[in-house]
Amino acid sequence: MIGIFKTNILTQQDKHTVVTAIAGHFNPTACTVDLEDCDKVLRVVCQQLEEDRLISFVRGLGYHCTLLD
């Protein structure tokens, strides 16, 4: 399953923080943040992904996160 989210992750440090936290908590196959995109797209590939849970997790880290349509 692939989840694609709009975030406010702005820096390489923020990206590293979020990707590392997601990797430790959700065990994704892949997790990336496109800092060049205007929506700062977070893409998470995982066997089983509960989108609401991931959104809450990223928000708990202090970042904005919504499902990208």
PDB file of N, CA and C in Angstrom:
ATOM      1  N   MET A   1       0.852  -1.175   0.000  1.00  0.00           N
ATOM      2  CA  MET A   1       0.000   0.000   0.000  1.00  0.00           C
ATOM      3  C   MET A   1       0.898   1.238   0.000  1.00  0.00           C
ATOM      4  N   ILE A   2       0.474   2.255  -0.719  1.00  0.00           N
ATOM      5  CA  ILE A   2       1.234   3.499  -0.812  1.00  0.00           C
ATOM      6  C   ILE A   2       0.388   4.640  -0.255  1.00  0.00           C
ATOM      7  N   GLY A   3       0.952   5.394   0.673  1.00  0.00           N
ATOM      8  CA  GLY A   3       0.294   6.581   1.208  1.00  0.00           C
ATOM      9  C   GLY A   3       1.030   7.819   0.739  1.00  0.00           C
ATOM     10  N   ILE A   4       0.282   8.799   0.256  1.00  0.00           N
ATOM     11  CA  ILE A   4       0.878  10.044  -0.226  1.00  0.00           C
ATOM     12  C   ILE A   4       0.235  11.188   0.548  1.00  0.00           C
ATOM     13  N   PHE A   5       1.094  12.013   1.178  1.00  0.00           N
ATOM     14  CA  PHE A   5       0.629  13.025   2.113  1.00  0.00           C
ATOM     15  C   PHE A   5       1.260  14.385   1.833  1.00  0.00           C
ATOM     16  N   LYS A   6       0.506  15.425   2.092  1.00  0.00           N
ATOM     17  CA  LYS A   6       0.991  16.799   2.019  1.00  0.00           C
ATOM     18  C   LYS A   6       1.502  17.163   3.410  1.00  0.00           C
ATOM     19  N   THR A   7       2.708  17.748   3.463  1.00  0.00           N
ATOM     20  CA  THR A   7       3.294  18.097   4.759  1.00  0.00           C
ATOM     21  C   THR A   7       3.862  19.521   4.727  1.00  0.00           C
ATOM     22  N   ASN A   8       4.412  19.905   5.867  1.00  0.00           N
ATOM     23  CA  ASN A   8       5.147  21.177   5.936  1.00  0.00           C
ATOM     24  C   ASN A   8       6.602  20.914   6.334  1.00  0.00           C
ATOM     25  N   ILE A   9       7.127  19.785   5.952  1.00  0.00           N
ATOM     26  CA  ILE A   9       8.518  19.435   6.218  1.00  0.00           C
ATOM     27  C   ILE A   9       9.388  20.288   5.295  1.00  0.00           C
ATOM     28  N   LEU A  10      10.279  21.101   5.885  1.00  0.00           N
ATOM     29  CA  LEU A  10      10.998  22.082   5.080  1.00  0.00           C
ATOM     30  C   LEU A  10      12.486  21.819   4.908  1.00  0.00           C
ATOM     31  N   THR A  11      13.123  21.231   5.900  1.00  0.00           N
ATOM     32  CA  THR A  11      14.584  21.101   5.863  1.00  0.00           C
ATOM     33  C   THR A  11      15.020  19.639   5.784  1.00  0.00           C
ATOM     34  N   GLN A  12      16.273  19.441   5.439  1.00  0.00           N
ATOM     35  CA  GLN A  12      16.837  18.097   5.417  1.00  0.00           C
ATOM     36  C   GLN A  12      16.789  17.476   6.815  1.00  0.00           C
ATOM     37  N   GLN A  13      17.016  18.290   7.849  1.00  0.00           N
ATOM     38  CA  GLN A  13      16.964  17.791   9.224  1.00  0.00           C
ATOM     39  C   GLN A  13      15.552  17.330   9.573  1.00  0.00           C
ATOM     40  N   ASP A  14      14.548  18.140   9.203  1.00  0.00           N
ATOM     41  CA  ASP A  14      13.149  17.748   9.441  1.00  0.00           C
ATOM     42  C   ASP A  14      12.843  16.439   8.700  1.00  0.00           C
ATOM     43  N   LYS A  15      13.291  16.360   7.463  1.00  0.00           N
ATOM     44  CA  LYS A  15      13.071  15.165   6.651  1.00  0.00           C
ATOM     45  C   LYS A  15      13.683  13.943   7.326  1.00  0.00           C
ATOM     46  N   HIS A  16      14.906  14.069   7.777  1.00  0.00           N
ATOM     47  CA  HIS A  16      15.593  12.965   8.448  1.00  0.00           C
ATOM     48  C   HIS A  16      14.845  12.546   9.714  1.00  0.00           C
ATOM     49  N   THR A  17      14.407  13.517  10.491  1.00  0.00           N
ATOM     50  CA  THR A  17      13.672  13.240  11.725  1.00  0.00           C
ATOM     51  C   THR A  17      12.407  12.439  11.440  1.00  0.00           C
ATOM     52  N   VAL A  18      11.617  12.895  10.478  1.00  0.00           N
ATOM     53  CA  VAL A  18      10.341  12.250  10.161  1.00  0.00           C
ATOM     54  C   VAL A  18      10.550  10.867   9.551  1.00  0.00           C
ATOM     55  N   VAL A  19      11.438  10.760   8.578  1.00  0.00           N
ATOM     56  CA  VAL A  19      11.672   9.475   7.914  1.00  0.00           C
ATOM     57  C   VAL A  19      12.209   8.440   8.908  1.00  0.00           C
ATOM     58  N   THR A  20      13.126   8.850   9.776  1.00  0.00           N
ATOM     59  CA  THR A  20      13.679   7.942  10.777  1.00  0.00           C
ATOM     60  C   THR A  20      12.604   7.484  11.759  1.00  0.00           C
ATOM     61  N   ALA A  21      11.765   8.415  12.201  1.00  0.00           N
ATOM     62  CA  ALA A  21      10.690   8.070  13.138  1.00  0.00           C
ATOM     63  C   ALA A  21       9.684   7.114  12.500  1.00  0.00           C
ATOM     64  N   ILE A  22       9.303   7.394  11.261  1.00  0.00           N
ATOM     65  CA  ILE A  22       8.357   6.523  10.554  1.00  0.00           C
ATOM     66  C   ILE A  22       8.973   5.133  10.354  1.00  0.00           C
ATOM     67  N   ALA A  23      10.246   5.091   9.983  1.00  0.00           N
ATOM     68  CA  ALA A  23      10.923   3.810   9.765  1.00  0.00           C
ATOM     69  C   ALA A  23      10.930   2.972  11.044  1.00  0.00           C
ATOM     70  N   GLY A  24      11.122   3.605  12.172  1.00  0.00           N
ATOM     71  CA  GLY A  24      11.159   2.888  13.433  1.00  0.00           C
ATOM     72  C   GLY A  24       9.806   2.449  13.939  1.00  0.00           C
ATOM     73  N   HIS A  25       8.764   3.140  13.524  1.00  0.00           N
ATOM     74  CA  HIS A  25       7.426   2.873  14.052  1.00  0.00           C
ATOM     75  C   HIS A  25       6.551   2.034  13.107  1.00  0.00           C
ATOM     76  N   PHE A  26       6.689   2.262  11.799  1.00  0.00           N
ATOM     77  CA  PHE A  26       5.807   1.614  10.823  1.00  0.00           C
ATOM     78  C   PHE A  26       6.492   0.553   9.973  1.00  0.00           C
ATOM     79  N   ASN A  27       7.823   0.487  10.012  1.00  0.00           N
ATOM     80  CA  ASN A  27       8.584  -0.479   9.229  1.00  0.00           C
ATOM     81  C   ASN A  27       8.203  -0.467   7.739  1.00  0.00           C
ATOM     82  N   PRO A  28       8.307   0.700   7.092  1.00  0.00           N
ATOM     83  CA  PRO A  28       7.917   0.779   5.680  1.00  0.00           C
ATOM     84  C   PRO A  28       8.949   0.152   4.753  1.00  0.00           C
ATOM     85  N   THR A  29       8.507  -0.211   3.567  1.00  0.00           N
ATOM     86  CA  THR A  29       9.402  -0.669   2.514  1.00  0.00           C
ATOM     87  C   THR A  29      10.192   0.518   1.972  1.00  0.00           C
ATOM     88  N   ALA A  30       9.519   1.677   1.881  1.00  0.00           N
ATOM     89  CA  ALA A  30      10.153   2.913   1.423  1.00  0.00           C
ATOM     90  C   ALA A  30       9.454   4.102   2.077  1.00  0.00           C
ATOM     91  N   CYS A  31      10.217   5.161   2.300  1.00  0.00           N
ATOM     92  CA  CYS A  31       9.660   6.381   2.886  1.00  0.00           C
ATOM     93  C   CYS A  31      10.497   7.549   2.384  1.00  0.00           C
ATOM     94  N   THR A  32       9.863   8.492   1.690  1.00  0.00           N
ATOM     95  CA  THR A  32      10.584   9.637   1.137  1.00  0.00           C
ATOM     96  C   THR A  32       9.802  10.922   1.361  1.00  0.00           C
ATOM     97  N   VAL A  33      10.525  12.031   1.338  1.00  0.00           N
ATOM     98  CA  VAL A  33       9.911  13.357   1.375  1.00  0.00           C
ATOM     99  C   VAL A  33      10.519  14.154   0.237  1.00  0.00           C
ATOM    100  N   ASP A  34       9.674  14.716  -0.613  1.00  0.00           N
ATOM    101  CA  ASP A  34      10.134  15.540  -1.735  1.00  0.00           C
ATOM    102  C   ASP A  34      10.128  17.000  -1.297  1.00  0.00           C
ATOM    103  N   LEU A  35      11.281  17.504  -0.882  1.00  0.00           N
ATOM    104  CA  LEU A  35      11.386  18.878  -0.412  1.00  0.00           C
ATOM    105  C   LEU A  35      11.264  19.891  -1.548  1.00  0.00           C
ATOM    106  N   GLU A  36      11.456  19.457  -2.785  1.00  0.00           N
ATOM    107  CA  GLU A  36      11.356  20.345  -3.947  1.00  0.00           C
ATOM    108  C   GLU A  36       9.904  20.599  -4.348  1.00  0.00           C
ATOM    109  N   ASP A  37       9.017  19.686  -4.018  1.00  0.00           N
ATOM    110  CA  ASP A  37       7.601  19.816  -4.372  1.00  0.00           C
ATOM    111  C   ASP A  37       6.938  20.868  -3.485  1.00  0.00           C
ATOM    112  N   CYS A  38       6.003  21.618  -4.031  1.00  0.00           N
ATOM    113  CA  CYS A  38       5.327  22.667  -3.259  1.00  0.00           C
ATOM    114  C   CYS A  38       4.516  22.102  -2.100  1.00  0.00           C
ATOM    115  N   ASP A  39       4.092  20.840  -2.206  1.00  0.00           N
ATOM    116  CA  ASP A  39       3.323  20.192  -1.138  1.00  0.00           C
ATOM    117  C   ASP A  39       4.199  19.403  -0.166  1.00  0.00           C
ATOM    118  N   LYS A  40       5.521  19.441  -0.376  1.00  0.00           N
ATOM    119  CA  LYS A  40       6.458  18.707   0.501  1.00  0.00           C
ATOM    120  C   LYS A  40       5.954  17.281   0.714  1.00  0.00           C
ATOM    121  N   VAL A  41       5.775  16.569  -0.387  1.00  0.00           N
ATOM    122  CA  VAL A  41       5.094  15.273  -0.412  1.00  0.00           C
ATOM    123  C   VAL A  41       5.869  14.197   0.353  1.00  0.00           C
ATOM    124  N   LEU A  42       5.167  13.594   1.301  1.00  0.00           N
ATOM    125  CA  LEU A  42       5.647  12.429   2.033  1.00  0.00           C
ATOM    126  C   LEU A  42       5.018  11.205   1.382  1.00  0.00           C
ATOM    127  N   ARG A  43       5.856  10.262   0.985  1.00  0.00           N
ATOM    128  CA  ARG A  43       5.376   9.035   0.333  1.00  0.00           C
ATOM    129  C   ARG A  43       5.851   7.852   1.167  1.00  0.00           C
ATOM    130  N   VAL A  44       4.899   7.037   1.607  1.00  0.00           N
ATOM    131  CA  VAL A  44       5.215   5.893   2.454  1.00  0.00           C
ATOM    132  C   VAL A  44       4.670   4.619   1.798  1.00  0.00           C
ATOM    133  N   VAL A  45       5.548   3.643   1.597  1.00  0.00           N
ATOM    134  CA  VAL A  45       5.159   2.347   1.052  1.00  0.00           C
ATOM    135  C   VAL A  45       5.282   1.342   2.193  1.00  0.00           C
ATOM    136  N   CYS A  46       4.177   0.653   2.476  1.00  0.00           N
ATOM    137  CA  CYS A  46       4.129  -0.249   3.624  1.00  0.00           C
ATOM    138  C   CYS A  46       3.181  -1.400   3.318  1.00  0.00           C
ATOM    139  N   GLN A  47       3.453  -2.585   3.880  1.00  0.00           N
ATOM    140  CA  GLN A  47       2.570  -3.731   3.688  1.00  0.00           C
ATOM    141  C   GLN A  47       1.150  -3.389   4.121  1.00  0.00           C
ATOM    142  N   GLN A  48       1.021  -2.885   5.333  1.00  0.00           N
ATOM    143  CA  GLN A  48      -0.280  -2.454   5.858  1.00  0.00           C
ATOM    144  C   GLN A  48      -0.092  -1.044   6.399  1.00  0.00           C
ATOM    145  N   LEU A  49      -0.818  -0.106   5.828  1.00  0.00           N
ATOM    146  CA  LEU A  49      -0.667   1.283   6.221  1.00  0.00           C
ATOM    147  C   LEU A  49      -2.014   1.848   6.631  1.00  0.00           C
ATOM    148  N   GLU A  50      -2.123   2.247   7.875  1.00  0.00           N
ATOM    149  CA  GLU A  50      -3.316   2.942   8.351  1.00  0.00           C
ATOM    150  C   GLU A  50      -3.028   4.429   8.217  1.00  0.00           C
ATOM    151  N   GLU A  51      -3.619   5.041   7.202  1.00  0.00           N
ATOM    152  CA  GLU A  51      -3.314   6.437   6.881  1.00  0.00           C
ATOM    153  C   GLU A  51      -3.600   7.371   8.041  1.00  0.00           C
ATOM    154  N   ASP A  52      -4.737   7.180   8.726  1.00  0.00           N
ATOM    155  CA  ASP A  52      -5.078   8.052   9.858  1.00  0.00           C
ATOM    156  C   ASP A  52      -4.041   7.947  10.968  1.00  0.00           C
ATOM    157  N   ARG A  53      -3.556   6.737  11.201  1.00  0.00           N
ATOM    158  CA  ARG A  53      -2.549   6.521  12.237  1.00  0.00           C
ATOM    159  C   ARG A  53      -1.232   7.210  11.869  1.00  0.00           C
ATOM    160  N   LEU A  54      -0.847   7.130  10.596  1.00  0.00           N
ATOM    161  CA  LEU A  54       0.377   7.780  10.154  1.00  0.00           C
ATOM    162  C   LEU A  54       0.248   9.297  10.251  1.00  0.00           C
ATOM    163  N   ILE A  55      -0.894   9.833   9.854  1.00  0.00           N
ATOM    164  CA  ILE A  55      -1.130  11.280   9.946  1.00  0.00           C
ATOM    165  C   ILE A  55      -1.009  11.731  11.399  1.00  0.00           C
ATOM    166  N   SER A  56      -1.640  11.024  12.304  1.00  0.00           N
ATOM    167  CA  SER A  56      -1.561  11.372  13.731  1.00  0.00           C
ATOM    168  C   SER A  56      -0.125  11.289  14.238  1.00  0.00           C
ATOM    169  N   PHE A  57       0.606  10.285  13.798  1.00  0.00           N
ATOM    170  CA  PHE A  57       1.988  10.104  14.206  1.00  0.00           C
ATOM    171  C   PHE A  57       2.847  11.292  13.759  1.00  0.00           C
ATOM    172  N   VAL A  58       2.728  11.676  12.493  1.00  0.00           N
ATOM    173  CA  VAL A  58       3.523  12.799  11.969  1.00  0.00           C
ATOM    174  C   VAL A  58       3.111  14.103  12.657  1.00  0.00           C
ATOM    175  N   ARG A  59       1.834  14.294  12.894  1.00  0.00           N
ATOM    176  CA  ARG A  59       1.379  15.481  13.620  1.00  0.00           C
ATOM    177  C   ARG A  59       1.933  15.498  15.039  1.00  0.00           C
ATOM    178  N   GLY A  60       2.036  14.314  15.644  1.00  0.00           N
ATOM    179  CA  GLY A  60       2.619  14.199  16.974  1.00  0.00           C
ATOM    180  C   GLY A  60       4.084  14.606  17.013  1.00  0.00           C
ATOM    181  N   LEU A  61       4.759  14.504  15.877  1.00  0.00           N
ATOM    182  CA  LEU A  61       6.142  14.949  15.766  1.00  0.00           C
ATOM    183  C   LEU A  61       6.233  16.462  15.581  1.00  0.00           C
ATOM    184  N   GLY A  62       5.087  17.104  15.379  1.00  0.00           N
ATOM    185  CA  GLY A  62       5.056  18.565  15.250  1.00  0.00           C
ATOM    186  C   GLY A  62       4.938  19.087  13.838  1.00  0.00           C
ATOM    187  N   TYR A  63       4.565  18.237  12.897  1.00  0.00           N
ATOM    188  CA  TYR A  63       4.451  18.642  11.501  1.00  0.00           C
ATOM    189  C   TYR A  63       3.007  18.532  11.019  1.00  0.00           C
ATOM    190  N   HIS A  64       2.677  19.339  10.043  1.00  0.00           N
ATOM    191  CA  HIS A  64       1.377  19.260   9.401  1.00  0.00           C
ATOM    192  C   HIS A  64       1.403  18.048   8.462  1.00  0.00           C
ATOM    193  N   CYS A  65       0.313  17.317   8.412  1.00  0.00           N
ATOM    194  CA  CYS A  65       0.250  16.155   7.528  1.00  0.00           C
ATOM    195  C   CYS A  65      -1.216  15.868   7.180  1.00  0.00           C
ATOM    196  N   THR A  66      -1.514  15.848   5.886  1.00  0.00           N
ATOM    197  CA  THR A  66      -2.848  15.508   5.414  1.00  0.00           C
ATOM    198  C   THR A  66      -2.736  14.606   4.199  1.00  0.00           C
ATOM    199  N   LEU A  67      -3.759  13.819   3.971  1.00  0.00           N
ATOM    200  CA  LEU A  67      -3.788  12.942   2.801  1.00  0.00           C
ATOM    201  C   LEU A  67      -3.846  13.809   1.543  1.00  0.00           C
ATOM    202  N   LEU A  68      -3.007  13.510   0.577  1.00  0.00           N
ATOM    203  CA  LEU A  68      -2.980  14.264  -0.672  1.00  0.00           C
ATOM    204  C   LEU A  68      -3.927  13.603  -1.660  1.00  0.00           C
ATOM    205  N   ASP A  69      -4.846  14.377  -2.208  1.00  0.00           N
ATOM    206  CA  ASP A  69      -5.829  13.850  -3.159  1.00  0.00           C
ATOM    207  C   ASP A  69      -5.239  13.716  -4.542  1.00  0.00           C
TER     208      ASP A  69
END
